[in-house]
Amino acid sequence: MLNSSTIDYRPMQESDFVAIITLGNYVHGAGYLNAENLKQWFDKGLKDGLNANFVAYAGQQLVGFRISYSPTMWHTDQWYSPHLWRTDMGNTAYFKCNTVDANFRGYGIGSQLLKLSIFELQQQGAKAGVSHLWRQSPGNSAVKYFTKCGGVLVKDHPDKWYQDSVDGYQCTLCGNDCHCVAAEMIIYFD
């Protein structure tokens, strides 16, 4: 029987990468993660000796992970709207990826991973965290989850992942021609 005491949460380590890539590509689509981009993403969550990336295991099985970028460790592009945020870039983190195995959803794993990440990000100086949520997730569950955790909508971005799909990412809905909408959302930590 699965319960909160049977899940082991800990900071992500490079020894977790193989399992993370497998789970990430299964949940998000082939080509989403590889050793190179995962290492880059992971490193953006390391700051001041703190790690804002976390994993969740049920026994020896990876059942979830959260990748977060520390303040000042990432940059915006056309898919961000910092002029609409109450925080500035210097104290805003980015929630890159939250992934939970479909067989383990509904047990609060994603929420716990987010809480752990927020705590570390606050220690790194973050006052908020922004993310892009997949509007086409089944039942719009990604946006509902983030809203339940305190997230507020900033702006919708159609075709956010189109270039990634052209470059080899296979969206689970659109294949190599992704036109899914990203909901830019932010959680303020105060």
C-alpha atoms as a PDB file:
ATOM      1  CA  MET A   1       0.000   0.000   0.000  1.00  0.00           C
ATOM      2  CA  LEU A   2       1.441   3.352  -1.048  1.00  0.00           C
ATOM      3  CA  ASN A   3       1.411   6.180   1.469  1.00  0.00           C
ATOM      4  CA  SER A   4       3.543   9.227   2.186  1.00  0.00           C
ATOM      5  CA  SER A   5       5.908   7.246   4.429  1.00  0.00           C
ATOM      6  CA  THR A   6       6.770   4.797   1.626  1.00  0.00           C
ATOM      7  CA  ILE A   7       8.134   7.557  -0.638  1.00  0.00           C
ATOM      8  CA  ASP A   8      11.752   8.616  -0.175  1.00  0.00           C
ATOM      9  CA  TYR A   9      12.473  12.225  -1.184  1.00  0.00           C
ATOM     10  CA  ARG A  10      16.019  13.464  -1.570  1.00  0.00           C
ATOM     11  CA  PRO A  11      18.120  15.936  -3.540  1.00  0.00           C
ATOM     12  CA  MET A  12      18.781  14.824  -7.107  1.00  0.00           C
ATOM     13  CA  GLN A  13      22.226  13.421  -7.895  1.00  0.00           C
ATOM     14  CA  GLU A  14      23.917  12.578 -11.172  1.00  0.00           C
ATOM     15  CA  SER A  15      23.543   8.896 -10.265  1.00  0.00           C
ATOM     16  CA  ASP A  16      19.767   9.409 -10.772  1.00  0.00           C
ATOM     17  CA  PHE A  17      20.159  10.617 -14.374  1.00  0.00           C
ATOM     18  CA  VAL A  18      19.560   7.327 -16.218  1.00  0.00           C
ATOM     19  CA  ALA A  19      16.277   6.741 -14.382  1.00  0.00           C
ATOM     20  CA  ILE A  20      15.263  10.407 -14.820  1.00  0.00           C
ATOM     21  CA  ILE A  21      15.842  10.292 -18.581  1.00  0.00           C
ATOM     22  CA  THR A  22      13.820   7.085 -18.870  1.00  0.00           C
ATOM     23  CA  LEU A  23      10.876   8.402 -16.844  1.00  0.00           C
ATOM     24  CA  GLY A  24      11.013  11.887 -18.392  1.00  0.00           C
ATOM     25  CA  ASN A  25      10.937  10.616 -21.976  1.00  0.00           C
ATOM     26  CA  TYR A  26       8.165   8.167 -21.151  1.00  0.00           C
ATOM     27  CA  VAL A  27       5.960  10.850 -19.575  1.00  0.00           C
ATOM     28  CA  HIS A  28       6.809  13.886 -21.738  1.00  0.00           C
ATOM     29  CA  GLY A  29       7.674  12.273 -25.071  1.00  0.00           C
ATOM     30  CA  ALA A  30      10.741  10.873 -26.794  1.00  0.00           C
ATOM     31  CA  GLY A  31      13.617  13.308 -27.074  1.00  0.00           C
ATOM     32  CA  TYR A  32      12.536  15.429 -24.105  1.00  0.00           C
ATOM     33  CA  LEU A  33      15.577  14.474 -22.014  1.00  0.00           C
ATOM     34  CA  ASN A  34      19.074  13.315 -22.839  1.00  0.00           C
ATOM     35  CA  ALA A  35      22.314  13.209 -20.860  1.00  0.00           C
ATOM     36  CA  GLU A  36      23.463  16.594 -22.154  1.00  0.00           C
ATOM     37  CA  ASN A  37      20.341  18.672 -21.526  1.00  0.00           C
ATOM     38  CA  LEU A  38      19.658  16.983 -18.184  1.00  0.00           C
ATOM     39  CA  LYS A  39      23.159  17.862 -16.951  1.00  0.00           C
ATOM     40  CA  GLN A  40      22.667  21.481 -18.052  1.00  0.00           C
ATOM     41  CA  TRP A  41      19.258  21.685 -16.370  1.00  0.00           C
ATOM     42  CA  PHE A  42      20.538  20.035 -13.191  1.00  0.00           C
ATOM     43  CA  ASP A  43      23.478  22.450 -12.913  1.00  0.00           C
ATOM     44  CA  LYS A  44      21.106  25.447 -13.100  1.00  0.00           C
ATOM     45  CA  GLY A  45      19.547  24.296  -9.824  1.00  0.00           C
ATOM     46  CA  LEU A  46      22.851  24.354  -7.934  1.00  0.00           C
ATOM     47  CA  LYS A  47      23.745  27.601  -6.171  1.00  0.00           C
ATOM     48  CA  ASP A  48      25.523  28.548  -2.948  1.00  0.00           C
ATOM     49  CA  GLY A  49      26.101  24.875  -2.131  1.00  0.00           C
ATOM     50  CA  LEU A  50      22.353  24.153  -2.311  1.00  0.00           C
ATOM     51  CA  ASN A  51      20.503  21.863  -4.709  1.00  0.00           C
ATOM     52  CA  ALA A  52      16.943  22.818  -5.775  1.00  0.00           C
ATOM     53  CA  ASN A  53      16.404  19.575  -7.751  1.00  0.00           C
ATOM     54  CA  PHE A  54      14.683  16.617  -6.092  1.00  0.00           C
ATOM     55  CA  VAL A  55      13.729  13.003  -6.754  1.00  0.00           C
ATOM     56  CA  ALA A  56      11.135  10.667  -5.243  1.00  0.00           C
ATOM     57  CA  TYR A  57      11.608   6.910  -4.965  1.00  0.00           C
ATOM     58  CA  ALA A  58       9.264   4.097  -3.981  1.00  0.00           C
ATOM     59  CA  GLY A  59      11.790   1.485  -2.974  1.00  0.00           C
ATOM     60  CA  GLN A  60      14.325   1.321  -5.802  1.00  0.00           C
ATOM     61  CA  GLN A  61      11.933   2.773  -8.406  1.00  0.00           C
ATOM     62  CA  LEU A  62      12.124   6.444  -9.398  1.00  0.00           C
ATOM     63  CA  VAL A  63       8.524   7.676  -9.314  1.00  0.00           C
ATOM     64  CA  GLY A  64       9.026  11.421  -9.644  1.00  0.00           C
ATOM     65  CA  PHE A  65      11.460  14.279 -10.055  1.00  0.00           C
ATOM     66  CA  ARG A  66      11.522  18.078  -9.968  1.00  0.00           C
ATOM     67  CA  ILE A  67      14.083  20.206 -11.832  1.00  0.00           C
ATOM     68  CA  SER A  68      14.286  23.864 -10.831  1.00  0.00           C
ATOM     69  CA  TYR A  69      16.597  26.679 -11.894  1.00  0.00           C
ATOM     70  CA  SER A  70      18.053  28.879  -9.185  1.00  0.00           C
ATOM     71  CA  PRO A  71      17.764  32.683  -9.313  1.00  0.00           C
ATOM     72  CA  THR A  72      20.381  34.221 -11.657  1.00  0.00           C
ATOM     73  CA  MET A  73      21.114  30.792 -13.207  1.00  0.00           C
ATOM     74  CA  TRP A  74      18.729  31.164 -16.183  1.00  0.00           C
ATOM     75  CA  HIS A  75      17.631  33.705 -18.791  1.00  0.00           C
ATOM     76  CA  THR A  76      14.354  34.737 -20.370  1.00  0.00           C
ATOM     77  CA  ASP A  77      13.439  34.693 -24.043  1.00  0.00           C
ATOM     78  CA  GLN A  78      10.282  35.498 -26.032  1.00  0.00           C
ATOM     79  CA  TRP A  79       8.294  32.959 -23.976  1.00  0.00           C
ATOM     80  CA  TYR A  80       8.556  34.923 -20.717  1.00  0.00           C
ATOM     81  CA  SER A  81       6.776  38.063 -19.501  1.00  0.00           C
ATOM     82  CA  PRO A  82       8.922  39.451 -16.647  1.00  0.00           C
ATOM     83  CA  HIS A  83       7.245  42.860 -16.976  1.00  0.00           C
ATOM     84  CA  LEU A  84       4.091  41.154 -15.636  1.00  0.00           C
ATOM     85  CA  TRP A  85       5.810  39.648 -12.562  1.00  0.00           C
ATOM     86  CA  ARG A  86       5.962  41.271  -9.093  1.00  0.00           C
ATOM     87  CA  THR A  87       9.578  40.088  -8.751  1.00  0.00           C
ATOM     88  CA  ASP A  88      12.680  40.806 -10.775  1.00  0.00           C
ATOM     89  CA  MET A  89      14.915  38.270 -12.507  1.00  0.00           C
ATOM     90  CA  GLY A  90      17.528  38.423  -9.766  1.00  0.00           C
ATOM     91  CA  ASN A  91      15.187  36.834  -7.251  1.00  0.00           C
ATOM     92  CA  THR A  92      12.974  34.700  -9.492  1.00  0.00           C
ATOM     93  CA  ALA A  93      13.555  30.971  -9.954  1.00  0.00           C
ATOM     94  CA  TYR A  94      12.297  28.792 -12.806  1.00  0.00           C
ATOM     95  CA  PHE A  95      10.457  25.511 -12.360  1.00  0.00           C
ATOM     96  CA  LYS A  96      11.696  23.587 -15.387  1.00  0.00           C
ATOM     97  CA  CYS A  97      10.130  20.180 -14.975  1.00  0.00           C
ATOM     98  CA  ASN A  98       7.896  18.252 -12.618  1.00  0.00           C
ATOM     99  CA  THR A  99       7.358  14.618 -13.519  1.00  0.00           C
ATOM    100  CA  VAL A 100       5.465  11.891 -11.685  1.00  0.00           C
ATOM    101  CA  ASP A 101       4.970   8.334 -12.940  1.00  0.00           C
ATOM    102  CA  ALA A 102       1.300   7.903 -13.953  1.00  0.00           C
ATOM    103  CA  ASN A 103       0.965   4.928 -11.579  1.00  0.00           C
ATOM    104  CA  PHE A 104       1.919   7.145  -8.618  1.00  0.00           C
ATOM    105  CA  ARG A 105      -0.151  10.261  -9.297  1.00  0.00           C
ATOM    106  CA  GLY A 106      -2.701  11.425  -6.763  1.00  0.00           C
ATOM    107  CA  TYR A 107      -0.496  10.736  -3.733  1.00  0.00           C
ATOM    108  CA  GLY A 108       0.904  14.278  -3.371  1.00  0.00           C
ATOM    109  CA  ILE A 109       4.341  13.424  -4.797  1.00  0.00           C
ATOM    110  CA  GLY A 110       4.410  16.384  -7.200  1.00  0.00           C
ATOM    111  CA  SER A 111       3.325  18.791  -4.481  1.00  0.00           C
ATOM    112  CA  GLN A 112       5.957  17.495  -2.053  1.00  0.00           C
ATOM    113  CA  LEU A 113       8.690  17.788  -4.691  1.00  0.00           C
ATOM    114  CA  LEU A 114       7.585  21.378  -5.306  1.00  0.00           C
ATOM    115  CA  LYS A 115       7.627  22.218  -1.563  1.00  0.00           C
ATOM    116  CA  LEU A 116      11.135  20.836  -1.194  1.00  0.00           C
ATOM    117  CA  SER A 117      12.326  22.799  -4.200  1.00  0.00           C
ATOM    118  CA  ILE A 118      10.707  26.038  -3.007  1.00  0.00           C
ATOM    119  CA  PHE A 119      12.419  25.721   0.375  1.00  0.00           C
ATOM    120  CA  GLU A 120      15.856  25.379  -1.259  1.00  0.00           C
ATOM    121  CA  LEU A 121      15.148  28.162  -3.752  1.00  0.00           C
ATOM    122  CA  GLN A 122      14.203  30.496  -0.900  1.00  0.00           C
ATOM    123  CA  GLN A 123      17.538  29.691   0.770  1.00  0.00           C
ATOM    124  CA  GLN A 124      19.159  30.720  -2.531  1.00  0.00           C
ATOM    125  CA  GLY A 125      17.341  34.087  -2.465  1.00  0.00           C
ATOM    126  CA  ALA A 126      14.274  33.390  -4.602  1.00  0.00           C
ATOM    127  CA  LYS A 127      11.050  35.246  -3.871  1.00  0.00           C
ATOM    128  CA  ALA A 128       9.063  33.530  -6.642  1.00  0.00           C
ATOM    129  CA  GLY A 129       9.224  30.786  -9.232  1.00  0.00           C
ATOM    130  CA  VAL A 130       7.875  30.922 -12.754  1.00  0.00           C
ATOM    131  CA  SER A 131       7.032  27.992 -15.013  1.00  0.00           C
ATOM    132  CA  HIS A 132       5.410  26.994 -18.291  1.00  0.00           C
ATOM    133  CA  LEU A 133       2.563  24.530 -17.814  1.00  0.00           C
ATOM    134  CA  TRP A 134       1.181  22.303 -20.547  1.00  0.00           C
ATOM    135  CA  ARG A 135      -2.395  23.419 -21.292  1.00  0.00           C
ATOM    136  CA  GLN A 136      -3.093  20.216 -23.233  1.00  0.00           C
ATOM    137  CA  SER A 137      -2.260  17.924 -20.323  1.00  0.00           C
ATOM    138  CA  PRO A 138      -5.103  15.440 -19.727  1.00  0.00           C
ATOM    139  CA  GLY A 139      -7.940  17.397 -18.123  1.00  0.00           C
ATOM    140  CA  ASN A 140      -5.609  20.440 -17.991  1.00  0.00           C
ATOM    141  CA  SER A 141      -4.148  18.736 -14.908  1.00  0.00           C
ATOM    142  CA  ALA A 142      -0.795  20.552 -15.078  1.00  0.00           C
ATOM    143  CA  VAL A 143      -2.390  23.982 -14.762  1.00  0.00           C
ATOM    144  CA  LYS A 144      -4.850  22.757 -12.119  1.00  0.00           C
ATOM    145  CA  TYR A 145      -2.000  21.276 -10.053  1.00  0.00           C
ATOM    146  CA  PHE A 146       0.118  24.440 -10.257  1.00  0.00           C
ATOM    147  CA  THR A 147      -2.880  26.635  -9.426  1.00  0.00           C
ATOM    148  CA  LYS A 148      -3.643  24.458  -6.380  1.00  0.00           C
ATOM    149  CA  CYS A 149      -0.021  25.006  -5.271  1.00  0.00           C
ATOM    150  CA  GLY A 150      -0.468  28.802  -5.414  1.00  0.00           C
ATOM    151  CA  GLY A 151       0.412  29.499  -9.039  1.00  0.00           C
ATOM    152  CA  VAL A 152      -1.245  32.360 -10.908  1.00  0.00           C
ATOM    153  CA  LEU A 153      -1.522  32.737 -14.664  1.00  0.00           C
ATOM    154  CA  VAL A 154       0.759  35.323 -16.244  1.00  0.00           C
ATOM    155  CA  LYS A 155       0.159  34.686 -19.960  1.00  0.00           C
ATOM    156  CA  ASP A 156      -0.571  31.920 -22.479  1.00  0.00           C
ATOM    157  CA  HIS A 157       2.074  31.162 -25.129  1.00  0.00           C
ATOM    158  CA  PRO A 158       0.860  29.200 -28.186  1.00  0.00           C
ATOM    159  CA  ASP A 159       3.468  27.066 -29.983  1.00  0.00           C
ATOM    160  CA  LYS A 160       6.005  27.306 -27.123  1.00  0.00           C
ATOM    161  CA  TRP A 161       7.411  23.849 -27.863  1.00  0.00           C
ATOM    162  CA  TYR A 162       7.132  23.952 -31.675  1.00  0.00           C
ATOM    163  CA  GLN A 163      10.866  24.508 -32.321  1.00  0.00           C
ATOM    164  CA  ASP A 164      11.755  21.732 -29.875  1.00  0.00           C
ATOM    165  CA  SER A 165       9.475  19.380 -31.830  1.00  0.00           C
ATOM    166  CA  VAL A 166      11.097  20.343 -35.133  1.00  0.00           C
ATOM    167  CA  ASP A 167      14.484  19.671 -33.506  1.00  0.00           C
ATOM    168  CA  GLY A 168      13.536  16.114 -32.462  1.00  0.00           C
ATOM    169  CA  TYR A 169      11.227  16.300 -29.444  1.00  0.00           C
ATOM    170  CA  GLN A 170       8.113  14.174 -30.003  1.00  0.00           C
ATOM    171  CA  CYS A 171       5.158  15.718 -28.222  1.00  0.00           C
ATOM    172  CA  THR A 172       2.869  13.002 -26.849  1.00  0.00           C
ATOM    173  CA  LEU A 173      -0.056  14.692 -28.656  1.00  0.00           C
ATOM    174  CA  CYS A 174       1.441  16.382 -31.726  1.00  0.00           C
ATOM    175  CA  GLY A 175       4.533  14.348 -32.554  1.00  0.00           C
ATOM    176  CA  ASN A 176       7.177  16.432 -34.362  1.00  0.00           C
ATOM    177  CA  ASP A 177       4.772  19.301 -35.111  1.00  0.00           C
ATOM    178  CA  CYS A 178       3.854  20.562 -31.629  1.00  0.00           C
ATOM    179  CA  HIS A 179       1.393  23.432 -31.350  1.00  0.00           C
ATOM    180  CA  CYS A 180       0.554  23.008 -27.674  1.00  0.00           C
ATOM    181  CA  VAL A 181      -0.022  26.069 -25.507  1.00  0.00           C
ATOM    182  CA  ALA A 182       2.208  26.890 -22.537  1.00  0.00           C
ATOM    183  CA  ALA A 183       0.603  28.687 -19.615  1.00  0.00           C
ATOM    184  CA  GLU A 184       3.267  30.936 -18.081  1.00  0.00           C
ATOM    185  CA  MET A 185       2.485  30.849 -14.362  1.00  0.00           C
ATOM    186  CA  ILE A 186       4.198  32.144 -11.237  1.00  0.00           C
ATOM    187  CA  ILE A 187       4.178  31.232  -7.557  1.00  0.00           C
ATOM    188  CA  TYR A 188       5.103  33.998  -5.122  1.00  0.00           C
ATOM    189  CA  PHE A 189       6.807  32.655  -2.012  1.00  0.00           C
ATOM    190  CA  ASP A 190       5.635  35.374   0.385  1.00  0.00           C
END
